[in-house]
């Protein structure tokens, strides 16, 4: 069916999607479905037209590869950015929890040290007789 459009024009040939136009010998042939690219014996890529007459097959392949690469790259960048944002949004909560835990640990350690200091001070006061009796805080001062 495509060979009927040979020796006519590229536009007439490419109205049928399954046809390939070759500018070297102005022939319209069936697109080789078995292979992705037409063989060089059929027509060189720079002279082959498929889909549109104003763009050769070589440029079409390069353009499609660039567009596919840009799409894949943009998807990868979006995924990385979304993962980074998600991780970034979780981080303050985790940091706040960690800071709260450390703050509580420091407070407990401070209370423990304060209690230990009080116990040592009470022992020293008791040793030198300065510790007042908790039952009777108002005792008479005895002078020797």
N, C-alpha and C. Protein backbone atom coordinates (compact mmCIF):
# COMPACT_ATOMS: atom_id res chain seq x y z
N UNK A 1 0.84 -1.19 0.00
CA UNK A 1 0.00 0.00 0.00
C UNK A 1 0.87 1.25 0.00
N UNK A 2 1.97 1.26 0.75
CA UNK A 2 2.84 2.43 0.81
C UNK A 2 3.60 2.64 -0.50
N UNK A 3 3.89 1.56 -1.20
CA UNK A 3 4.66 1.70 -2.45
C UNK A 3 3.87 2.44 -3.53
N UNK A 4 2.56 2.54 -3.40
CA UNK A 4 1.75 3.28 -4.36
C UNK A 4 2.07 4.77 -4.33
N UNK A 5 2.56 5.29 -3.17
CA UNK A 5 2.85 6.72 -3.03
C UNK A 5 4.28 7.07 -3.46
N UNK A 6 5.05 6.10 -3.95
CA UNK A 6 6.41 6.38 -4.42
C UNK A 6 6.35 7.32 -5.60
N UNK A 7 7.37 8.11 -5.75
CA UNK A 7 7.53 9.10 -6.81
C UNK A 7 6.47 10.21 -6.75
N UNK A 8 5.73 10.29 -5.64
CA UNK A 8 4.78 11.40 -5.47
C UNK A 8 5.39 12.42 -4.54
N UNK A 9 4.77 12.66 -3.38
CA UNK A 9 5.33 13.63 -2.42
C UNK A 9 5.41 13.00 -1.03
N UNK A 10 6.23 13.59 -0.23
CA UNK A 10 6.43 13.11 1.14
C UNK A 10 5.14 13.22 1.94
N UNK A 11 4.42 14.33 1.79
CA UNK A 11 3.19 14.56 2.56
C UNK A 11 2.15 13.48 2.26
N UNK A 12 2.00 13.11 0.99
CA UNK A 12 1.04 12.08 0.62
C UNK A 12 1.43 10.74 1.20
N UNK A 13 2.74 10.45 1.20
CA UNK A 13 3.23 9.17 1.73
C UNK A 13 3.01 9.08 3.23
N UNK A 14 3.30 10.16 3.95
CA UNK A 14 3.25 10.11 5.41
C UNK A 14 1.86 10.32 6.00
N UNK A 15 0.86 10.48 5.13
CA UNK A 15 -0.51 10.51 5.64
C UNK A 15 -0.84 9.17 6.28
N UNK A 16 -0.26 8.11 5.73
CA UNK A 16 -0.40 6.78 6.31
C UNK A 16 0.73 6.61 7.33
N UNK A 17 0.40 6.32 8.58
CA UNK A 17 1.39 6.25 9.67
C UNK A 17 2.36 5.10 9.49
N UNK A 18 1.98 4.07 8.79
CA UNK A 18 2.86 2.91 8.64
C UNK A 18 3.85 3.06 7.49
N UNK A 19 3.91 4.25 6.87
CA UNK A 19 4.81 4.46 5.74
C UNK A 19 6.05 5.26 6.13
N UNK A 20 7.12 5.03 5.38
CA UNK A 20 8.40 5.70 5.59
C UNK A 20 8.82 6.31 4.25
N UNK A 21 9.19 7.58 4.24
CA UNK A 21 9.61 8.27 3.03
C UNK A 21 11.12 8.39 3.02
N UNK A 22 11.73 8.08 1.88
CA UNK A 22 13.17 8.19 1.73
C UNK A 22 13.47 9.23 0.66
N UNK A 23 14.22 10.28 1.02
CA UNK A 23 14.52 11.37 0.10
C UNK A 23 15.60 11.02 -0.92
N UNK A 24 16.43 10.03 -0.67
CA UNK A 24 17.51 9.71 -1.62
C UNK A 24 16.95 9.26 -2.96
N UNK A 25 15.92 8.43 -2.94
CA UNK A 25 15.34 7.95 -4.21
C UNK A 25 13.85 8.26 -4.32
N UNK A 26 13.33 9.12 -3.43
CA UNK A 26 11.91 9.52 -3.42
C UNK A 26 10.97 8.32 -3.46
N UNK A 27 11.19 7.40 -2.53
CA UNK A 27 10.34 6.21 -2.46
C UNK A 27 9.58 6.19 -1.14
N UNK A 28 8.42 5.61 -1.19
CA UNK A 28 7.58 5.43 0.00
C UNK A 28 7.52 3.92 0.26
N UNK A 29 7.97 3.50 1.42
CA UNK A 29 7.99 2.06 1.73
C UNK A 29 7.30 1.83 3.07
N UNK A 30 6.96 0.57 3.28
CA UNK A 30 6.38 0.20 4.58
C UNK A 30 7.45 0.33 5.65
N UNK A 31 7.03 0.86 6.81
CA UNK A 31 7.98 1.02 7.91
C UNK A 31 8.36 -0.37 8.40
N UNK A 32 9.66 -0.63 8.57
CA UNK A 32 10.08 -1.97 9.03
C UNK A 32 9.70 -2.18 10.49
N UNK A 33 8.61 -2.86 10.70
CA UNK A 33 8.05 -3.04 12.04
C UNK A 33 8.93 -3.95 12.89
N UNK A 34 9.64 -4.89 12.25
CA UNK A 34 10.48 -5.83 13.01
C UNK A 34 11.59 -5.13 13.77
N UNK A 35 12.16 -4.08 13.21
CA UNK A 35 13.23 -3.34 13.88
C UNK A 35 12.73 -1.97 14.29
N UNK A 36 13.32 -1.42 15.28
CA UNK A 36 12.92 -0.09 15.74
C UNK A 36 13.38 0.96 14.73
N UNK A 37 14.60 0.81 14.27
CA UNK A 37 15.15 1.76 13.29
C UNK A 37 15.17 1.11 11.91
N UNK A 38 14.90 1.90 10.87
CA UNK A 38 15.00 1.33 9.51
C UNK A 38 16.47 1.02 9.19
N UNK A 39 16.68 -0.05 8.45
CA UNK A 39 18.06 -0.44 8.13
C UNK A 39 18.67 0.58 7.17
N UNK A 40 19.98 0.69 7.19
CA UNK A 40 20.67 1.64 6.32
C UNK A 40 20.57 1.21 4.85
N UNK A 41 20.34 -0.08 4.59
CA UNK A 41 20.17 -0.53 3.20
C UNK A 41 18.84 -0.03 2.64
N UNK A 42 17.86 0.14 3.50
CA UNK A 42 16.57 0.66 3.06
C UNK A 42 16.67 2.16 2.78
N UNK A 43 17.20 2.92 3.77
CA UNK A 43 17.37 4.36 3.63
C UNK A 43 18.22 4.85 4.79
N UNK A 44 19.11 5.82 4.53
CA UNK A 44 19.93 6.36 5.62
C UNK A 44 19.05 7.18 6.55
N UNK A 45 19.42 7.23 7.82
CA UNK A 45 18.60 7.91 8.82
C UNK A 45 18.47 9.40 8.54
N UNK A 46 19.49 10.01 7.95
CA UNK A 46 19.41 11.45 7.67
C UNK A 46 18.46 11.76 6.52
N UNK A 47 18.17 10.78 5.67
CA UNK A 47 17.26 10.99 4.54
C UNK A 47 15.88 10.38 4.76
N UNK A 48 15.70 9.62 5.82
CA UNK A 48 14.42 8.97 6.09
C UNK A 48 13.50 9.93 6.84
N UNK A 49 12.21 9.89 6.49
CA UNK A 49 11.20 10.71 7.14
C UNK A 49 10.08 9.79 7.60
N UNK A 50 9.61 10.04 8.82
CA UNK A 50 8.48 9.26 9.34
C UNK A 50 7.66 10.17 10.24
N UNK A 51 6.38 10.23 10.04
CA UNK A 51 5.52 11.08 10.84
C UNK A 51 5.38 12.48 10.26
N UNK A 52 6.49 13.19 10.08
CA UNK A 52 6.49 14.54 9.51
C UNK A 52 7.60 14.64 8.47
N UNK A 53 7.38 15.46 7.46
CA UNK A 53 8.36 15.58 6.39
C UNK A 53 9.50 16.54 6.73
N UNK A 54 9.28 17.45 7.62
CA UNK A 54 10.27 18.48 7.88
C UNK A 54 11.36 18.04 8.86
N UNK A 55 11.23 16.85 9.44
CA UNK A 55 12.26 16.38 10.39
C UNK A 55 12.74 15.00 9.96
N UNK A 56 14.08 14.88 9.82
CA UNK A 56 14.59 13.58 9.43
C UNK A 56 14.58 12.62 10.62
N UNK A 57 14.75 11.34 10.33
CA UNK A 57 14.63 10.30 11.35
C UNK A 57 15.70 10.45 12.42
N UNK A 58 16.88 10.87 12.01
CA UNK A 58 17.99 11.05 12.94
C UNK A 58 17.64 12.12 13.98
N UNK A 59 17.15 13.26 13.51
CA UNK A 59 16.75 14.34 14.42
C UNK A 59 15.58 13.93 15.28
N UNK A 60 14.66 13.14 14.71
CA UNK A 60 13.51 12.67 15.47
C UNK A 60 13.95 11.78 16.64
N UNK A 61 14.89 10.90 16.38
CA UNK A 61 15.40 10.01 17.43
C UNK A 61 16.11 10.82 18.51
N UNK A 62 16.96 11.76 18.11
CA UNK A 62 17.68 12.59 19.07
C UNK A 62 16.70 13.40 19.90
N UNK A 63 15.71 14.01 19.26
CA UNK A 63 14.72 14.81 19.98
C UNK A 63 13.93 13.97 20.97
N UNK A 64 13.50 12.80 20.54
CA UNK A 64 12.75 11.93 21.45
C UNK A 64 13.61 11.47 22.62
N UNK A 65 14.89 11.19 22.36
CA UNK A 65 15.80 10.79 23.45
C UNK A 65 16.00 11.93 24.43
N UNK A 66 16.16 13.16 23.92
CA UNK A 66 16.36 14.31 24.80
C UNK A 66 15.11 14.56 25.64
N UNK A 67 13.94 14.52 25.00
CA UNK A 67 12.68 14.74 25.74
C UNK A 67 12.49 13.66 26.80
N UNK A 68 12.75 12.40 26.44
CA UNK A 68 12.62 11.31 27.42
C UNK A 68 13.62 11.50 28.56
N UNK A 69 14.85 11.91 28.24
CA UNK A 69 15.84 12.16 29.28
C UNK A 69 15.44 13.28 30.22
N UNK A 70 14.89 14.35 29.64
CA UNK A 70 14.45 15.48 30.47
C UNK A 70 13.30 15.06 31.39
N UNK A 71 12.38 14.27 30.84
CA UNK A 71 11.26 13.80 31.66
C UNK A 71 11.76 12.91 32.80
N UNK A 72 12.64 11.97 32.49
CA UNK A 72 13.18 11.09 33.53
C UNK A 72 13.98 11.87 34.57
N UNK A 73 14.77 12.82 34.11
CA UNK A 73 15.56 13.64 35.02
C UNK A 73 14.66 14.47 35.92
N UNK A 74 13.61 15.05 35.35
CA UNK A 74 12.71 15.87 36.17
C UNK A 74 11.96 15.01 37.19
N UNK A 75 11.59 13.79 36.81
CA UNK A 75 10.94 12.88 37.76
C UNK A 75 11.90 12.53 38.89
N UNK A 76 13.16 12.25 38.55
CA UNK A 76 14.15 11.91 39.57
C UNK A 76 14.39 13.10 40.51
N UNK A 77 14.50 14.30 39.94
CA UNK A 77 14.71 15.49 40.76
C UNK A 77 13.51 15.73 41.68
N UNK A 78 12.30 15.57 41.15
CA UNK A 78 11.10 15.75 41.97
C UNK A 78 11.05 14.74 43.11
N UNK A 79 11.39 13.49 42.81
CA UNK A 79 11.39 12.46 43.86
C UNK A 79 12.42 12.78 44.93
N UNK A 80 13.61 13.16 44.52
CA UNK A 80 14.66 13.50 45.50
C UNK A 80 14.26 14.70 46.33
N UNK A 81 13.68 15.70 45.68
CA UNK A 81 13.26 16.91 46.38
C UNK A 81 12.15 16.60 47.38
N UNK A 82 11.19 15.76 46.96
CA UNK A 82 10.09 15.40 47.87
C UNK A 82 10.62 14.60 49.06
N UNK A 83 11.54 13.67 48.81
CA UNK A 83 12.12 12.90 49.92
C UNK A 83 12.88 13.82 50.86
N UNK A 84 13.62 14.77 50.30
CA UNK A 84 14.39 15.72 51.12
C UNK A 84 13.44 16.57 51.96
N UNK A 85 12.35 17.06 51.36
CA UNK A 85 11.38 17.88 52.09
C UNK A 85 10.70 17.07 53.18
N UNK A 86 10.36 15.84 52.87
CA UNK A 86 9.70 15.00 53.87
C UNK A 86 10.64 14.73 55.04
N UNK A 87 11.90 14.44 54.74
CA UNK A 87 12.88 14.19 55.79
C UNK A 87 13.12 15.48 56.59
N UNK A 88 13.15 16.59 55.89
CA UNK A 88 13.39 17.89 56.52
C UNK A 88 12.22 18.26 57.44
N UNK A 89 11.00 17.94 57.04
CA UNK A 89 9.84 18.29 57.86
C UNK A 89 9.77 17.41 59.10
N UNK A 90 10.26 16.19 59.02
CA UNK A 90 10.26 15.31 60.20
C UNK A 90 11.37 15.67 61.17
N UNK A 91 12.43 16.20 60.67
CA UNK A 91 13.62 16.45 61.47
C UNK A 91 13.37 17.37 62.68
N UNK A 92 12.65 18.49 62.56
CA UNK A 92 12.45 19.34 63.74
C UNK A 92 11.73 18.62 64.87
N UNK A 93 10.75 17.77 64.58
CA UNK A 93 10.07 17.03 65.63
C UNK A 93 11.04 16.11 66.35
N UNK A 94 11.83 15.40 65.59
CA UNK A 94 12.80 14.49 66.19
C UNK A 94 13.83 15.27 67.00
N UNK A 95 14.28 16.41 66.47
CA UNK A 95 15.26 17.22 67.18
C UNK A 95 14.66 17.78 68.47
N UNK A 96 13.40 18.22 68.40
CA UNK A 96 12.76 18.75 69.59
C UNK A 96 12.61 17.67 70.65
N UNK A 97 12.22 16.47 70.23
CA UNK A 97 12.11 15.36 71.18
C UNK A 97 13.46 15.04 71.80
N UNK A 98 14.50 15.03 70.99
CA UNK A 98 15.83 14.73 71.48
C UNK A 98 16.29 15.82 72.45
N UNK A 99 16.06 17.08 72.11
CA UNK A 99 16.43 18.17 73.02
C UNK A 99 15.64 18.09 74.31
N UNK A 100 14.36 17.75 74.26
CA UNK A 100 13.55 17.63 75.46
C UNK A 100 14.07 16.49 76.34
N UNK A 101 14.45 15.37 75.71
CA UNK A 101 15.02 14.26 76.48
C UNK A 101 16.32 14.67 77.16
N UNK A 102 17.19 15.34 76.42
CA UNK A 102 18.47 15.77 77.00
C UNK A 102 18.24 16.77 78.13
N UNK A 103 17.29 17.69 77.91
CA UNK A 103 16.97 18.68 78.95
C UNK A 103 16.47 17.99 80.22
N UNK A 104 15.61 17.00 80.05
CA UNK A 104 15.08 16.26 81.21
C UNK A 104 16.19 15.48 81.90
N UNK A 105 17.08 14.86 81.12
CA UNK A 105 18.21 14.15 81.72
C UNK A 105 19.09 15.10 82.53
N UNK A 106 19.39 16.28 81.97
CA UNK A 106 20.21 17.25 82.69
C UNK A 106 19.52 17.73 83.96
N UNK A 107 18.19 17.92 83.90
CA UNK A 107 17.45 18.35 85.08
C UNK A 107 17.51 17.29 86.17
N UNK A 108 17.34 16.01 85.77
CA UNK A 108 17.41 14.93 86.76
C UNK A 108 18.81 14.81 87.35
N UNK A 109 19.83 14.95 86.51
CA UNK A 109 21.20 14.90 87.01
C UNK A 109 21.47 16.06 87.97
N UNK A 110 20.95 17.23 87.64
CA UNK A 110 21.12 18.39 88.51
C UNK A 110 20.45 18.17 89.86
N UNK A 111 19.24 17.64 89.84
CA UNK A 111 18.55 17.36 91.10
C UNK A 111 19.31 16.32 91.93
N UNK A 112 19.85 15.32 91.25
CA UNK A 112 20.60 14.29 91.95
C UNK A 112 21.87 14.89 92.58
N UNK A 113 22.60 15.72 91.81
CA UNK A 113 23.80 16.37 92.37
C UNK A 113 23.43 17.29 93.53
N UNK A 114 22.30 18.01 93.42
CA UNK A 114 21.85 18.90 94.48
C UNK A 114 21.55 18.11 95.75
N UNK A 115 20.91 16.96 95.60
CA UNK A 115 20.61 16.11 96.75
C UNK A 115 21.90 15.58 97.38
N UNK A 116 22.85 15.15 96.53
CA UNK A 116 24.13 14.65 97.05
C UNK A 116 24.88 15.75 97.80
N UNK A 117 24.86 16.99 97.28
CA UNK A 117 25.51 18.11 97.97
C UNK A 117 24.85 18.37 99.32
N UNK A 118 23.52 18.30 99.37
CA UNK A 118 22.80 18.55 100.62
C UNK A 118 23.15 17.48 101.65
N UNK A 119 23.23 16.22 101.19
CA UNK A 119 23.59 15.13 102.11
C UNK A 119 25.00 15.36 102.65
N UNK A 120 25.96 15.74 101.80
CA UNK A 120 27.34 15.99 102.25
C UNK A 120 27.39 17.17 103.21
N UNK A 121 26.66 18.23 102.89
CA UNK A 121 26.65 19.41 103.77
C UNK A 121 26.04 19.06 105.13
N UNK A 122 24.97 18.24 105.13
CA UNK A 122 24.36 17.83 106.40
C UNK A 122 25.33 16.98 107.22
N UNK A 123 26.10 16.11 106.54
CA UNK A 123 27.09 15.30 107.26
C UNK A 123 28.15 16.19 107.89
N UNK A 124 28.61 17.18 107.15
CA UNK A 124 29.63 18.11 107.68
C UNK A 124 29.06 18.90 108.86
N UNK A 125 27.83 19.40 108.74
CA UNK A 125 27.20 20.15 109.83
C UNK A 125 27.03 19.27 111.06
N UNK A 126 26.65 17.99 110.83
CA UNK A 126 26.47 17.07 111.94
C UNK A 126 27.80 16.80 112.63
N UNK A 127 28.85 16.65 111.82
CA UNK A 127 30.19 16.37 112.35
C UNK A 127 30.65 17.50 113.26
N UNK A 128 30.40 18.73 112.90
CA UNK A 128 30.85 19.88 113.67
C UNK A 128 29.76 20.42 114.60
N UNK A 129 28.66 19.71 114.70
CA UNK A 129 27.61 20.09 115.63
C UNK A 129 26.82 21.30 115.19
N UNK A 130 26.79 21.57 113.94
CA UNK A 130 26.05 22.73 113.44
C UNK A 130 24.65 22.35 112.94
N UNK A 131 24.39 21.06 112.85
CA UNK A 131 23.10 20.61 112.33
C UNK A 131 22.06 20.78 113.43
N UNK A 132 21.04 21.55 113.12
CA UNK A 132 19.98 21.75 114.10
C UNK A 132 19.06 20.55 114.09
N UNK A 133 18.51 20.27 115.21
CA UNK A 133 17.59 19.15 115.33
C UNK A 133 16.30 19.52 114.62
N UNK A 134 15.84 18.66 113.74
CA UNK A 134 14.65 19.00 112.97
C UNK A 134 13.41 19.01 113.86
N UNK A 135 13.45 18.27 115.02
CA UNK A 135 12.30 18.27 115.94
C UNK A 135 12.20 19.60 116.68
N UNK A 136 13.33 20.15 117.07
CA UNK A 136 13.35 21.38 117.84
C UNK A 136 14.32 22.36 117.18
N UNK A 137 13.86 23.12 116.20
CA UNK A 137 14.77 24.02 115.50
C UNK A 137 15.21 25.20 116.37
N UNK A 138 14.45 25.51 117.39
CA UNK A 138 14.82 26.64 118.26
C UNK A 138 15.45 26.08 119.53
N UNK A 139 16.71 25.88 119.52
CA UNK A 139 17.40 25.39 120.72
C UNK A 139 18.26 26.51 121.28
N UNK A 140 18.56 26.39 122.50
CA UNK A 140 19.34 27.41 123.19
C UNK A 140 20.79 27.27 122.79
N UNK A 141 21.37 28.43 122.50
CA UNK A 141 22.77 28.44 122.14
C UNK A 141 23.60 28.30 123.41
N UNK A 142 24.45 27.29 123.43
CA UNK A 142 25.27 27.06 124.63
C UNK A 142 26.67 27.53 124.37
N UNK A 143 27.14 28.36 125.29
CA UNK A 143 28.46 28.89 125.20
C UNK A 143 29.36 28.18 126.18
N UNK A 144 30.48 27.79 125.86
CA UNK A 144 31.34 27.03 126.75
C UNK A 144 32.11 27.87 127.65
